[in-house]
Protein backbone atom coordinates (compact mmCIF):
# COMPACT_ATOMS: atom_id res chain seq x y z
CA MET A 1 -23.51 6.01 -15.03
CA THR A 2 -22.66 2.86 -13.07
CA SER A 3 -24.69 -0.11 -14.33
CA PRO A 4 -27.15 -1.78 -11.92
CA GLY A 5 -25.08 -4.99 -12.21
CA ILE A 6 -21.90 -3.26 -10.93
CA ARG A 7 -23.85 -1.64 -8.02
CA LEU A 8 -25.06 -5.15 -6.97
CA LEU A 9 -21.49 -6.60 -6.64
CA PRO A 10 -20.55 -4.94 -3.25
CA LEU A 11 -23.81 -5.93 -1.71
CA VAL A 12 -23.51 -9.59 -2.83
CA ALA A 13 -19.91 -9.76 -1.73
CA THR A 14 -20.77 -8.50 1.74
CA ALA A 15 -23.66 -10.89 2.06
CA MET A 16 -21.40 -13.85 1.14
CA LEU A 17 -19.26 -13.19 4.23
CA ALA A 18 -22.35 -13.42 6.49
CA SER A 19 -22.26 -16.24 9.15
CA PRO A 20 -24.44 -19.18 8.32
CA LEU A 21 -27.62 -19.61 10.39
CA VAL A 22 -30.36 -22.19 10.30
CA HIS A 23 -32.81 -21.04 7.55
CA ALA A 24 -32.92 -24.23 5.65
CA TYR A 25 -33.80 -24.41 1.84
CA ASP A 26 -35.30 -27.88 1.71
CA ALA A 27 -36.84 -29.98 -0.96
CA GLY A 28 -40.53 -28.89 -1.45
CA ASP A 29 -39.89 -25.22 -0.50
CA LEU A 30 -41.36 -22.52 -2.66
CA ILE A 31 -39.55 -19.19 -2.64
CA LEU A 32 -41.31 -16.15 -4.11
CA ARG A 33 -39.50 -12.98 -4.98
CA ALA A 34 -40.78 -9.48 -5.81
CA GLY A 35 -38.88 -6.29 -6.66
CA VAL A 36 -37.67 -3.80 -9.23
CA ALA A 37 -36.53 -5.35 -12.56
CA VAL A 38 -34.66 -3.45 -15.21
CA VAL A 39 -34.34 -4.75 -18.76
CA ASP A 40 -31.26 -3.37 -20.38
CA PRO A 41 -30.93 -4.26 -24.02
CA GLN A 42 -27.50 -5.16 -25.38
CA ASP A 43 -28.95 -4.71 -28.88
CA SER A 44 -27.72 -4.80 -32.43
CA SER A 45 -29.58 -4.26 -35.56
CA GLY A 46 -29.39 -5.26 -39.22
CA ASN A 47 -30.32 -2.86 -41.99
CA VAL A 48 -33.94 -2.33 -42.98
CA ARG A 49 -34.84 -4.45 -46.00
CA VAL A 50 -37.41 -3.35 -48.54
CA GLY A 51 -38.05 -6.46 -50.79
CA ALA A 52 -34.66 -7.57 -51.94
CA THR A 53 -33.06 -4.15 -51.29
CA GLU A 54 -31.12 -3.52 -48.13
CA LEU A 55 -31.03 0.08 -47.07
CA ASP A 56 -27.58 0.76 -45.86
CA GLY A 57 -27.40 2.79 -42.62
CA TRP A 58 -31.08 2.19 -41.75
CA GLU A 59 -30.78 0.53 -38.33
CA VAL A 60 -32.66 0.73 -35.07
CA ASN A 61 -32.04 0.57 -31.30
CA VAL A 62 -34.18 -0.35 -28.26
CA ASP A 63 -34.06 1.55 -24.92
CA SER A 64 -34.27 0.10 -21.33
CA ASN A 65 -37.24 0.02 -19.08
CA ARG A 66 -38.02 -0.93 -15.47
CA GLN A 67 -41.08 -2.75 -14.07
CA LEU A 68 -42.28 -4.91 -11.19
CA GLY A 69 -40.35 -8.15 -11.35
CA LEU A 70 -41.85 -11.45 -9.95
CA THR A 71 -39.80 -14.64 -9.72
CA ALA A 72 -40.36 -18.04 -7.97
CA SER A 73 -38.19 -21.11 -7.15
CA TYR A 74 -39.55 -24.55 -6.35
CA LEU A 75 -36.94 -26.77 -4.78
CA VAL A 76 -37.02 -30.27 -6.09
CA SER A 77 -34.14 -31.17 -3.84
CA ASP A 78 -31.93 -29.37 -1.33
CA HIS A 79 -29.71 -28.15 -4.10
CA PHE A 80 -31.81 -28.02 -7.33
CA GLY A 81 -34.90 -26.03 -8.16
CA VAL A 82 -37.06 -24.82 -11.06
CA GLY A 83 -37.18 -21.07 -11.44
CA LEU A 84 -39.70 -18.86 -13.19
CA LEU A 85 -39.17 -15.16 -14.06
CA ALA A 86 -42.19 -13.03 -14.69
CA ALA A 87 -42.99 -9.32 -14.69
CA THR A 88 -45.49 -6.59 -15.53
CA PRO A 89 -45.25 -5.70 -19.24
CA PHE A 90 -42.01 -3.94 -20.22
CA LYS A 91 -42.38 -0.94 -22.64
CA HIS A 92 -39.56 0.00 -24.96
CA ASN A 93 -38.97 2.81 -27.46
CA ILE A 94 -37.49 1.83 -30.87
CA SER A 95 -35.30 4.63 -32.27
CA GLY A 96 -33.42 5.25 -35.39
CA ASP A 97 -29.71 4.25 -35.56
CA GLY A 98 -26.95 3.78 -38.13
CA ALA A 99 -25.61 6.35 -40.51
CA ALA A 100 -28.93 7.13 -42.15
CA LEU A 101 -31.32 7.17 -39.19
CA ASN A 102 -29.12 8.17 -36.17
CA GLY A 103 -30.75 11.21 -34.77
CA ALA A 104 -34.11 10.45 -36.28
CA GLY A 105 -35.60 9.86 -32.81
CA LYS A 106 -38.42 7.57 -31.81
CA LEU A 107 -39.81 5.46 -34.64
CA ALA A 108 -42.03 3.03 -32.82
CA GLU A 109 -42.82 1.42 -29.49
CA THR A 110 -43.72 -2.01 -28.15
CA LYS A 111 -44.54 -3.87 -24.98
CA HIS A 112 -43.33 -7.36 -24.21
CA LEU A 113 -43.56 -10.09 -21.60
CA PRO A 114 -40.47 -12.30 -21.05
CA PRO A 115 -41.45 -15.40 -19.12
CA THR A 116 -38.28 -17.41 -18.43
CA LEU A 117 -38.02 -20.94 -17.08
CA THR A 118 -34.64 -22.23 -15.62
CA LEU A 119 -33.19 -25.13 -13.88
CA GLN A 120 -31.38 -23.72 -10.79
CA TYR A 121 -28.47 -24.95 -8.68
CA PHE A 122 -28.03 -23.80 -5.07
CA PRO A 123 -24.43 -24.91 -4.12
CA LEU A 124 -24.32 -24.17 -0.37
CA ALA A 125 -25.72 -26.17 2.42
CA SER A 126 -29.39 -25.84 2.92
CA GLY A 127 -29.10 -24.09 6.30
CA SER A 128 -26.90 -21.23 5.00
CA THR A 129 -28.22 -17.73 5.61
CA VAL A 130 -26.82 -16.77 2.17
CA GLN A 131 -28.04 -18.87 -0.73
CA PRO A 132 -26.34 -18.02 -4.11
CA TYR A 133 -27.73 -19.76 -7.09
CA LEU A 134 -27.34 -20.06 -10.85
CA GLY A 135 -29.60 -21.20 -13.51
CA ILE A 136 -29.84 -21.98 -17.23
CA GLY A 137 -33.02 -22.42 -19.24
CA VAL A 138 -35.29 -20.97 -21.91
CA ASN A 139 -36.87 -17.57 -22.53
CA TYR A 140 -40.13 -16.88 -24.45
CA THR A 141 -40.70 -13.23 -25.32
CA ASN A 142 -44.14 -12.12 -26.55
CA PHE A 143 -44.35 -8.63 -28.16
CA PHE A 144 -47.66 -6.83 -28.35
CA GLU A 145 -49.23 -3.36 -28.62
CA GLU A 146 -46.69 -2.21 -31.29
CA GLU A 147 -47.16 1.32 -32.56
CA THR A 148 -45.37 3.56 -35.01
CA THR A 149 -44.70 7.29 -34.88
CA PRO A 150 -45.32 9.95 -37.55
CA THR A 151 -41.52 9.99 -38.00
CA LEU A 152 -41.47 6.45 -39.25
CA THR A 153 -44.64 6.99 -41.39
CA GLY A 154 -43.02 10.09 -42.94
CA ALA A 155 -39.73 8.17 -43.65
CA LEU A 156 -41.77 5.57 -45.57
CA GLY A 157 -43.54 8.37 -47.55
CA ALA A 158 -46.90 6.97 -46.36
CA ASP A 159 -50.09 8.19 -44.74
CA ARG A 160 -50.24 5.42 -42.25
CA SER A 161 -47.76 2.80 -40.93
CA THR A 162 -47.74 -0.33 -38.75
CA ILE A 163 -44.98 -2.43 -37.18
CA GLU A 164 -45.19 -6.03 -35.94
CA LEU A 165 -42.41 -7.92 -34.05
CA ASP A 166 -42.12 -11.68 -34.10
CA ASP A 167 -42.21 -13.48 -30.75
CA SER A 168 -38.77 -14.95 -29.68
CA ILE A 169 -37.66 -18.22 -28.08
CA GLY A 170 -34.01 -18.44 -26.84
CA LEU A 171 -31.55 -19.53 -24.21
CA ALA A 172 -31.37 -17.79 -20.78
CA ALA A 173 -29.04 -17.75 -17.85
CA GLU A 174 -29.29 -16.28 -14.38
CA LEU A 175 -27.07 -15.58 -11.32
CA GLY A 176 -28.60 -14.56 -8.03
CA VAL A 177 -28.44 -14.64 -4.21
CA ASP A 178 -31.02 -14.98 -1.44
CA ILE A 179 -30.17 -13.52 1.93
CA ALA A 180 -32.29 -14.68 4.81
CA LEU A 181 -33.62 -12.09 7.30
CA ASP A 182 -35.55 -14.64 9.31
CA GLU A 183 -37.24 -18.02 8.71
CA ARG A 184 -39.59 -16.63 6.10
CA PHE A 185 -38.40 -13.24 4.74
CA GLY A 186 -35.25 -12.33 2.96
CA PHE A 187 -33.54 -10.16 0.38
CA ASN A 188 -32.73 -11.02 -3.20
CA ALA A 189 -30.43 -9.71 -5.92
CA ALA A 190 -30.28 -11.36 -9.40
CA ILE A 191 -29.07 -10.87 -12.96
CA TRP A 192 -30.27 -12.71 -16.09
CA TRP A 193 -29.13 -12.75 -19.69
CA ALA A 194 -31.62 -13.82 -22.40
CA ASP A 195 -31.16 -14.49 -26.14
CA ILE A 196 -33.99 -12.43 -27.66
CA ASP A 197 -34.03 -12.12 -31.45
CA THR A 198 -36.90 -10.71 -33.45
CA GLU A 199 -37.86 -9.70 -36.97
CA ALA A 200 -39.82 -6.49 -37.27
CA THR A 201 -42.19 -6.06 -40.16
CA ILE A 202 -42.93 -2.46 -41.12
CA LYS A 203 -45.78 -1.56 -43.55
CA GLY A 204 -46.73 1.76 -45.01
CA TYR A 205 -50.22 2.53 -46.44
CA ASP A 206 -51.63 5.44 -48.46
CA SER A 207 -54.71 7.41 -47.60
CA ALA A 208 -57.04 4.92 -49.24
CA GLY A 209 -55.51 1.99 -47.18
CA ASN A 210 -53.45 0.56 -50.02
CA LEU A 211 -50.17 -1.01 -49.15
CA LYS A 212 -47.36 1.10 -50.44
CA ALA A 213 -44.21 -0.50 -48.97
CA THR A 214 -43.12 -3.30 -46.67
CA GLY A 215 -39.80 -3.38 -44.83
CA LYS A 216 -38.29 -5.85 -42.51
CA VAL A 217 -35.41 -5.58 -39.96
CA ASP A 218 -33.71 -8.12 -37.78
CA VAL A 219 -32.93 -7.00 -34.20
CA ASP A 220 -30.93 -8.91 -31.60
CA ILE A 221 -32.06 -7.45 -28.18
CA ASP A 222 -30.20 -9.89 -25.92
CA PRO A 223 -30.83 -7.97 -22.74
CA LEU A 224 -29.39 -8.11 -19.24
CA VAL A 225 -32.11 -8.09 -16.61
CA TYR A 226 -31.27 -6.80 -13.17
CA MET A 227 -33.57 -7.25 -10.12
CA LEU A 228 -33.43 -6.19 -6.53
CA GLY A 229 -36.24 -7.38 -4.13
CA PHE A 230 -37.47 -9.31 -1.23
CA THR A 231 -38.23 -12.96 -0.81
CA TYR A 232 -40.77 -15.03 1.11
CA ARG A 233 -40.28 -18.74 1.64
CA PHE A 234 -43.21 -21.15 2.03
């Protein structure tokens, strides 16, 4: 299947050939964008650790998810702005991977919010119909509503299990383009990369609620985020 990022390229390339019109991006403008956002983890996992023991081949992976994406840019000058990425909560399944857990299926699930703040650069003249931009900044990812499955509980030899993922702070970068349709409305396509690393803590309990085992696993999610949507300029 062709990735969303590849499908964006012909559209962006065509838009870059458009003739410039007067739809100025000026200092003080606020550009709001809304559309479909897809989080596509480029994940890698360490082995699950139980105490000082590393369980070889006990790894995990994280699937992709799409939600409503919301972004905003406030122009502090004609060429520089501050950008914010937000979205409705993304939901991801965490599945078994590695030699020991590959094929085990879904082990847990989690939701997350990935607010991302960037300094953006708009290189073209403010009156251009097509406004490409790039940005660099910081991502904060908050994980919540983590749940485990009976598969994970059984693998721990427990009666009940829990999982908790640490929040993450890391670098982020973006590349996007706004295409003006008129003085207010336009079209947007954008791609982000975010450095999202988390440690998952897994606990198993017996029927009396006593802790039987605690495991930890480091996961680098490092997703690409693709978004297609519309813009409105204030």
